[in-house]
Amino acid sequence: MARANEPVRPVIVKKIYEAPHGGHHGGAWKVAYADFVTAMMAFFLLMWLLGATTEKQRKALADYFSPTLVSSKQDSAGSTSFFGGDSITSVDKYPHRAGQTGTRSMTIPRDATGGPKEASGIGKDRAKFQEVRKALMTKLIERKEVRRLAKSLRFTETRDGLRIDMVDEANFAMFISGTDILTPDAIRLLSDVGESISDLPNGLIIRGHTDAQPTSSRLGVNNWQLSSARAEATRATLARAGVSPNRFVRIEGVADREAYIRDNPYDPRNRRMSITLGWRTVSD
């Protein structure tokens, strides 16, 4: 028994809590391990391909993962790739126009490495386009009344052909604001352009552009309608300048969706007309 004058000792209860943890058979590590194995498999597959293929085959593989313009047009079916499939330009047995071989009526873009006829046609087109550009600029510069309009022309070679842009400037507008009525300066400019390209056999694409400024509600049209109407007005003026109606391939309006000044869709230079001289095909 405890003595009467002995102090009472406190009772201390110690509780130990163990932190919860998953079992050693949890699945999270398996996902990471699977990713690692997949990456290693891809790496060793790449090493094998580099050692087992020729330089030409490696280029075809590189073009597959980063296709160039020509590859996307001609080699997308694997005609020159590792397994050697058929291309969309291969000869087939379907009926075609007289004198046409296979499906080669497609437009060959710039710097394409097609057959001899395609390369020859593009080379001739490129040389002819340069002549047209030089002759047109010379004609404008030599005439005092239209000399200032020369700086509104832009020449760009694209996959469709030579694009001639007629861009609105501070002292030049193609159309009366909000309408499809050509200004006198624009009629003079289009007449000169039409006369310069009237003798060429190349097809034409006419495309109208506007800026992002909405049209007035009282006019009852939007930028899509306005750009399309302006493209048609341009076509009609070119036809009156001597361009054959059979040469027009597409007449379209794209509103403000293909801005010339991409950083500022409201820039007046986005208001323009584009005339594209298309590359000739094998059948031309």
Protein backbone atom coordinates (compact mmCIF):
# COMPACT_ATOMS: atom_id res chain seq x y z
CA MET A 1 0.00 0.00 0.00
CA ALA A 2 1.12 3.52 -0.74
CA ARG A 3 2.11 5.70 2.05
CA ALA A 4 -0.23 8.46 3.11
CA ASN A 5 2.17 11.28 2.30
CA GLU A 6 3.44 9.83 -1.05
CA PRO A 7 2.34 11.93 -4.14
CA VAL A 8 0.03 10.33 -6.71
CA ARG A 9 1.86 9.43 -9.93
CA PRO A 10 0.09 10.44 -13.20
CA VAL A 11 -0.99 7.74 -15.64
CA ILE A 12 0.51 8.37 -19.13
CA VAL A 13 -1.12 6.64 -22.14
CA LYS A 14 0.99 6.68 -25.34
CA LYS A 15 -0.82 6.21 -28.68
CA ILE A 16 1.21 5.56 -31.84
CA TYR A 17 -0.39 6.31 -35.22
CA GLU A 18 1.18 4.79 -38.34
CA ALA A 19 0.86 6.81 -41.57
CA PRO A 20 -1.29 5.01 -44.16
CA HIS A 21 0.47 3.71 -47.23
CA GLY A 22 -0.42 1.67 -50.26
CA GLY A 23 0.63 -1.86 -50.63
CA HIS A 24 3.74 -2.70 -52.55
CA HIS A 25 1.54 -4.00 -55.38
CA GLY A 26 0.02 -0.54 -56.23
CA GLY A 27 -0.36 0.36 -59.97
CA ALA A 28 1.05 3.89 -60.20
CA TRP A 29 4.60 2.77 -60.87
CA LYS A 30 3.46 0.52 -63.68
CA VAL A 31 2.24 3.49 -65.73
CA ALA A 32 5.58 5.25 -65.42
CA TYR A 33 7.43 2.06 -66.26
CA ALA A 34 5.25 1.48 -69.33
CA ASP A 35 6.00 5.00 -70.57
CA PHE A 36 9.70 4.38 -70.10
CA VAL A 37 9.60 1.08 -71.99
CA THR A 38 7.62 2.66 -74.83
CA ALA A 39 10.14 5.49 -75.15
CA MET A 40 13.03 3.02 -75.18
CA MET A 41 11.31 0.89 -77.81
CA ALA A 42 10.81 3.96 -80.02
CA PHE A 43 14.45 4.95 -79.51
CA PHE A 44 15.82 1.53 -80.49
CA LEU A 45 13.42 1.39 -83.46
CA LEU A 46 14.82 4.73 -84.62
CA MET A 47 18.38 3.46 -84.23
CA TRP A 48 17.52 0.37 -86.25
CA LEU A 49 15.92 2.42 -89.02
CA LEU A 50 18.94 4.71 -89.26
CA GLY A 51 21.21 1.72 -89.67
CA ALA A 52 19.03 -0.40 -91.96
CA THR A 53 17.88 2.22 -94.49
CA THR A 54 19.48 4.10 -97.33
CA GLU A 55 19.79 7.88 -97.52
CA LYS A 56 16.82 8.08 -99.90
CA GLN A 57 14.67 5.98 -97.59
CA ARG A 58 15.64 8.11 -94.59
CA LYS A 59 14.62 11.24 -96.50
CA ALA A 60 11.24 9.65 -97.26
CA LEU A 61 10.79 8.88 -93.57
CA ALA A 62 11.71 12.44 -92.62
CA ASP A 63 9.24 13.82 -95.17
CA TYR A 64 6.53 11.61 -93.70
CA PHE A 65 6.89 13.21 -90.26
CA SER A 66 7.53 16.70 -91.65
CA PRO A 67 5.98 16.70 -95.14
CA THR A 68 7.04 19.32 -97.62
CA LEU A 69 4.61 20.86 -100.11
CA VAL A 70 5.73 18.53 -102.87
CA SER A 71 5.65 15.45 -100.66
CA SER A 72 2.15 16.19 -99.45
CA LYS A 73 1.02 16.51 -103.07
CA GLN A 74 2.85 13.59 -104.64
CA ASP A 75 4.23 11.18 -102.05
CA SER A 76 1.47 11.05 -99.47
CA ALA A 77 0.50 7.58 -100.73
CA GLY A 78 4.01 6.25 -100.19
CA SER A 79 5.27 6.21 -103.77
CA THR A 80 8.87 6.94 -102.77
CA SER A 81 8.68 5.99 -99.14
CA PHE A 82 10.04 3.02 -97.24
CA PHE A 83 7.44 0.51 -98.44
CA GLY A 84 7.10 1.82 -102.02
CA GLY A 85 3.36 2.25 -102.60
CA ASP A 86 1.45 4.03 -105.37
CA SER A 87 1.21 7.80 -105.66
CA ILE A 88 -1.84 9.86 -106.58
CA THR A 89 0.03 10.71 -109.78
CA SER A 90 0.50 7.07 -110.80
CA VAL A 91 -1.00 5.93 -114.10
CA ASP A 92 -4.39 4.31 -113.65
CA LYS A 93 -6.92 2.66 -115.98
CA TYR A 94 -9.76 5.12 -115.55
CA PRO A 95 -10.99 7.05 -118.62
CA HIS A 96 -9.58 10.57 -118.98
CA ARG A 97 -9.49 13.40 -121.45
CA ALA A 98 -7.78 12.69 -124.74
CA GLY A 99 -4.04 12.84 -124.41
CA GLN A 100 -4.08 12.73 -120.60
CA THR A 101 -1.98 10.09 -118.84
CA GLY A 102 -3.14 8.74 -115.52
CA THR A 103 -4.30 11.31 -112.98
CA ARG A 104 -1.68 13.92 -113.83
CA SER A 105 -4.10 16.79 -114.33
CA MET A 106 -3.31 18.02 -110.82
CA THR A 107 -1.57 21.38 -110.47
CA ILE A 108 2.13 20.96 -109.71
CA PRO A 109 3.33 23.56 -107.18
CA ARG A 110 6.56 25.52 -107.34
CA ASP A 111 9.83 23.63 -106.97
CA ALA A 112 8.04 20.32 -107.51
CA THR A 113 10.12 17.44 -108.81
CA GLY A 114 7.54 15.85 -111.08
CA GLY A 115 8.06 14.29 -114.48
CA PRO A 116 9.78 16.02 -117.38
CA LYS A 117 6.55 17.54 -118.71
CA GLU A 118 5.57 19.04 -115.35
CA ALA A 119 9.02 20.49 -114.70
CA SER A 120 9.20 21.87 -118.22
CA GLY A 121 5.73 23.45 -117.94
CA ILE A 122 6.50 25.12 -114.63
CA GLY A 123 9.82 26.40 -115.90
CA LYS A 124 8.15 27.95 -118.92
CA ASP A 125 5.40 29.42 -116.74
CA ARG A 126 7.90 30.94 -114.35
CA ALA A 127 9.83 32.56 -117.20
CA LYS A 128 6.61 33.84 -118.77
CA PHE A 129 5.40 35.21 -115.45
CA GLN A 130 8.60 37.19 -115.08
CA GLU A 131 8.09 38.64 -118.55
CA VAL A 132 4.52 39.63 -117.68
CA ARG A 133 5.62 41.25 -114.45
CA LYS A 134 8.38 43.24 -116.13
CA ALA A 135 6.18 44.33 -119.05
CA LEU A 136 3.31 45.38 -116.76
CA MET A 137 5.51 47.43 -114.43
CA THR A 138 7.24 49.07 -117.39
CA LYS A 139 3.88 50.00 -118.92
CA LEU A 140 2.72 51.60 -115.67
CA ILE A 141 5.92 53.49 -114.93
CA GLU A 142 6.18 54.93 -118.45
CA ARG A 143 2.71 56.50 -118.24
CA LYS A 144 2.60 59.46 -115.91
CA GLU A 145 -1.14 59.26 -115.20
CA VAL A 146 -0.90 55.70 -113.78
CA ARG A 147 2.69 55.68 -112.51
CA ARG A 148 1.58 56.10 -108.90
CA LEU A 149 -0.55 52.94 -109.18
CA ALA A 150 2.48 50.73 -109.72
CA LYS A 151 3.30 50.63 -106.01
CA SER A 152 -0.12 49.10 -105.31
CA LEU A 153 0.83 45.91 -107.17
CA ARG A 154 2.36 42.95 -105.34
CA PHE A 155 3.71 39.84 -107.12
CA THR A 156 3.96 36.58 -105.16
CA GLU A 157 4.71 33.09 -106.45
CA THR A 158 2.51 30.55 -104.65
CA ARG A 159 1.65 26.89 -104.99
CA ASP A 160 -1.31 27.93 -107.19
CA GLY A 161 0.76 30.15 -109.49
CA LEU A 162 1.74 33.80 -109.74
CA ARG A 163 -0.53 35.93 -107.54
CA ILE A 164 -0.95 39.60 -108.42
CA ASP A 165 -2.33 41.58 -105.49
CA MET A 166 -3.83 45.02 -106.02
CA VAL A 167 -3.66 46.56 -102.56
CA ASP A 168 -5.48 49.64 -101.30
CA GLU A 169 -3.08 52.44 -100.38
CA ALA A 170 -3.45 55.89 -98.81
CA ASN A 171 -4.03 57.50 -102.22
CA PHE A 172 -5.57 54.54 -104.04
CA ALA A 173 -8.70 52.46 -103.48
CA MET A 174 -9.99 49.68 -105.71
CA PHE A 175 -13.66 50.28 -104.88
CA ILE A 176 -15.95 52.98 -103.61
CA SER A 177 -16.28 52.41 -99.88
CA GLY A 178 -18.81 49.72 -98.98
CA THR A 179 -19.69 48.91 -102.59
CA ASP A 180 -18.53 46.76 -105.50
CA ILE A 181 -18.17 49.80 -107.79
CA LEU A 182 -14.63 50.12 -109.16
CA THR A 183 -12.91 53.49 -108.97
CA PRO A 184 -11.56 55.02 -112.22
CA ASP A 185 -7.99 54.30 -111.08
CA ALA A 186 -8.86 50.65 -110.44
CA ILE A 187 -10.44 50.33 -113.90
CA ARG A 188 -7.25 51.70 -115.49
CA LEU A 189 -5.09 49.34 -113.45
CA LEU A 190 -7.24 46.28 -114.18
CA SER A 191 -7.32 47.13 -117.88
CA ASP A 192 -3.52 47.18 -117.98
CA VAL A 193 -3.33 43.91 -116.07
CA GLY A 194 -5.91 42.31 -118.36
CA GLU A 195 -4.06 43.38 -121.51
CA SER A 196 -0.78 42.00 -120.10
CA ILE A 197 -2.20 38.54 -119.35
CA SER A 198 -4.77 38.21 -122.14
CA ASP A 199 -2.47 36.19 -124.41
CA LEU A 200 -1.50 33.62 -121.76
CA PRO A 201 -3.20 30.20 -121.65
CA ASN A 202 -3.02 29.90 -117.85
CA GLY A 203 -6.20 29.65 -115.81
CA LEU A 204 -7.16 32.52 -113.52
CA ILE A 205 -8.34 32.61 -109.90
CA ILE A 206 -9.97 35.86 -108.76
CA ARG A 207 -10.23 36.40 -105.00
CA GLY A 208 -11.73 39.37 -103.18
CA HIS A 209 -10.52 40.49 -99.74
CA THR A 210 -11.80 43.01 -97.20
CA ASP A 211 -10.50 44.28 -93.89
CA ALA A 212 -12.17 43.38 -90.59
CA GLN A 213 -14.17 46.61 -90.41
CA PRO A 214 -17.88 45.63 -90.54
CA THR A 215 -19.97 47.13 -93.30
CA SER A 216 -22.73 49.60 -92.56
CA SER A 217 -26.05 47.99 -91.70
CA ARG A 218 -27.87 50.32 -94.09
CA LEU A 219 -26.03 48.73 -97.03
CA GLY A 220 -27.57 45.35 -96.30
CA VAL A 221 -24.40 43.33 -97.05
CA ASN A 222 -21.63 41.78 -94.99
CA ASN A 223 -17.94 41.39 -95.81
CA TRP A 224 -18.48 37.94 -97.34
CA GLN A 225 -21.02 39.26 -99.81
CA LEU A 226 -18.96 42.38 -100.46
CA SER A 227 -15.74 40.48 -101.21
CA SER A 228 -17.58 38.08 -103.53
CA ALA A 229 -19.29 40.94 -105.40
CA ARG A 230 -15.96 42.72 -105.80
CA ALA A 231 -14.36 39.55 -107.18
CA GLU A 232 -17.10 39.32 -109.79
CA ALA A 233 -16.70 43.00 -110.71
CA THR A 234 -12.96 42.38 -111.19
CA ARG A 235 -13.67 39.35 -113.41
CA ALA A 236 -16.04 41.37 -115.58
CA THR A 237 -13.47 44.17 -116.02
CA LEU A 238 -10.74 41.69 -116.99
CA ALA A 239 -13.10 40.09 -119.51
CA ARG A 240 -13.72 43.49 -121.09
CA ALA A 241 -9.94 43.97 -121.27
CA GLY A 242 -9.62 40.90 -123.50
CA VAL A 243 -9.26 37.95 -121.10
CA SER A 244 -11.13 34.91 -122.42
CA PRO A 245 -14.09 33.83 -120.21
CA ASN A 246 -12.90 30.21 -120.42
CA ARG A 247 -9.77 31.05 -118.46
CA PHE A 248 -11.56 31.89 -115.21
CA VAL A 249 -11.26 28.90 -112.89
CA ARG A 250 -12.57 30.27 -109.59
CA ILE A 251 -14.21 33.52 -108.52
CA GLU A 252 -14.43 33.78 -104.73
CA GLY A 253 -14.67 36.17 -101.80
CA VAL A 254 -12.93 35.41 -98.51
CA ALA A 255 -13.89 38.54 -96.52
CA ASP A 256 -11.17 39.27 -93.93
CA ARG A 257 -10.04 35.65 -93.42
CA GLU A 258 -6.77 35.99 -95.34
CA ALA A 259 -5.38 39.27 -94.05
CA TYR A 260 -2.42 40.78 -95.88
CA ILE A 261 -1.35 42.54 -92.65
CA ARG A 262 -1.97 39.77 -90.14
CA ASP A 263 -1.05 41.81 -87.08
CA ASN A 264 -3.75 44.38 -87.85
CA PRO A 265 -6.91 43.01 -89.52
CA TYR A 266 -8.29 46.57 -89.73
CA ASP A 267 -5.36 47.82 -91.83
CA PRO A 268 -6.70 49.24 -95.15
CA ARG A 269 -4.07 47.27 -97.05
CA ASN A 270 -6.06 44.14 -96.26
CA ARG A 271 -8.63 45.44 -98.77
CA ARG A 272 -7.32 44.05 -102.02
CA MET A 273 -8.05 41.97 -105.10
CA SER A 274 -5.92 38.95 -105.98
CA ILE A 275 -5.49 37.62 -109.52
CA THR A 276 -3.63 34.31 -109.66
CA LEU A 277 -2.15 32.98 -112.90
CA GLY A 278 -2.25 29.22 -112.39
CA TRP A 279 0.47 26.73 -113.31
CA ARG A 280 -0.23 24.84 -116.51
CA THR A 281 -0.99 21.10 -116.32
CA VAL A 282 0.30 18.33 -118.54
CA SER A 283 -2.82 18.45 -120.69
CA ASP A 284 -2.43 22.18 -121.45
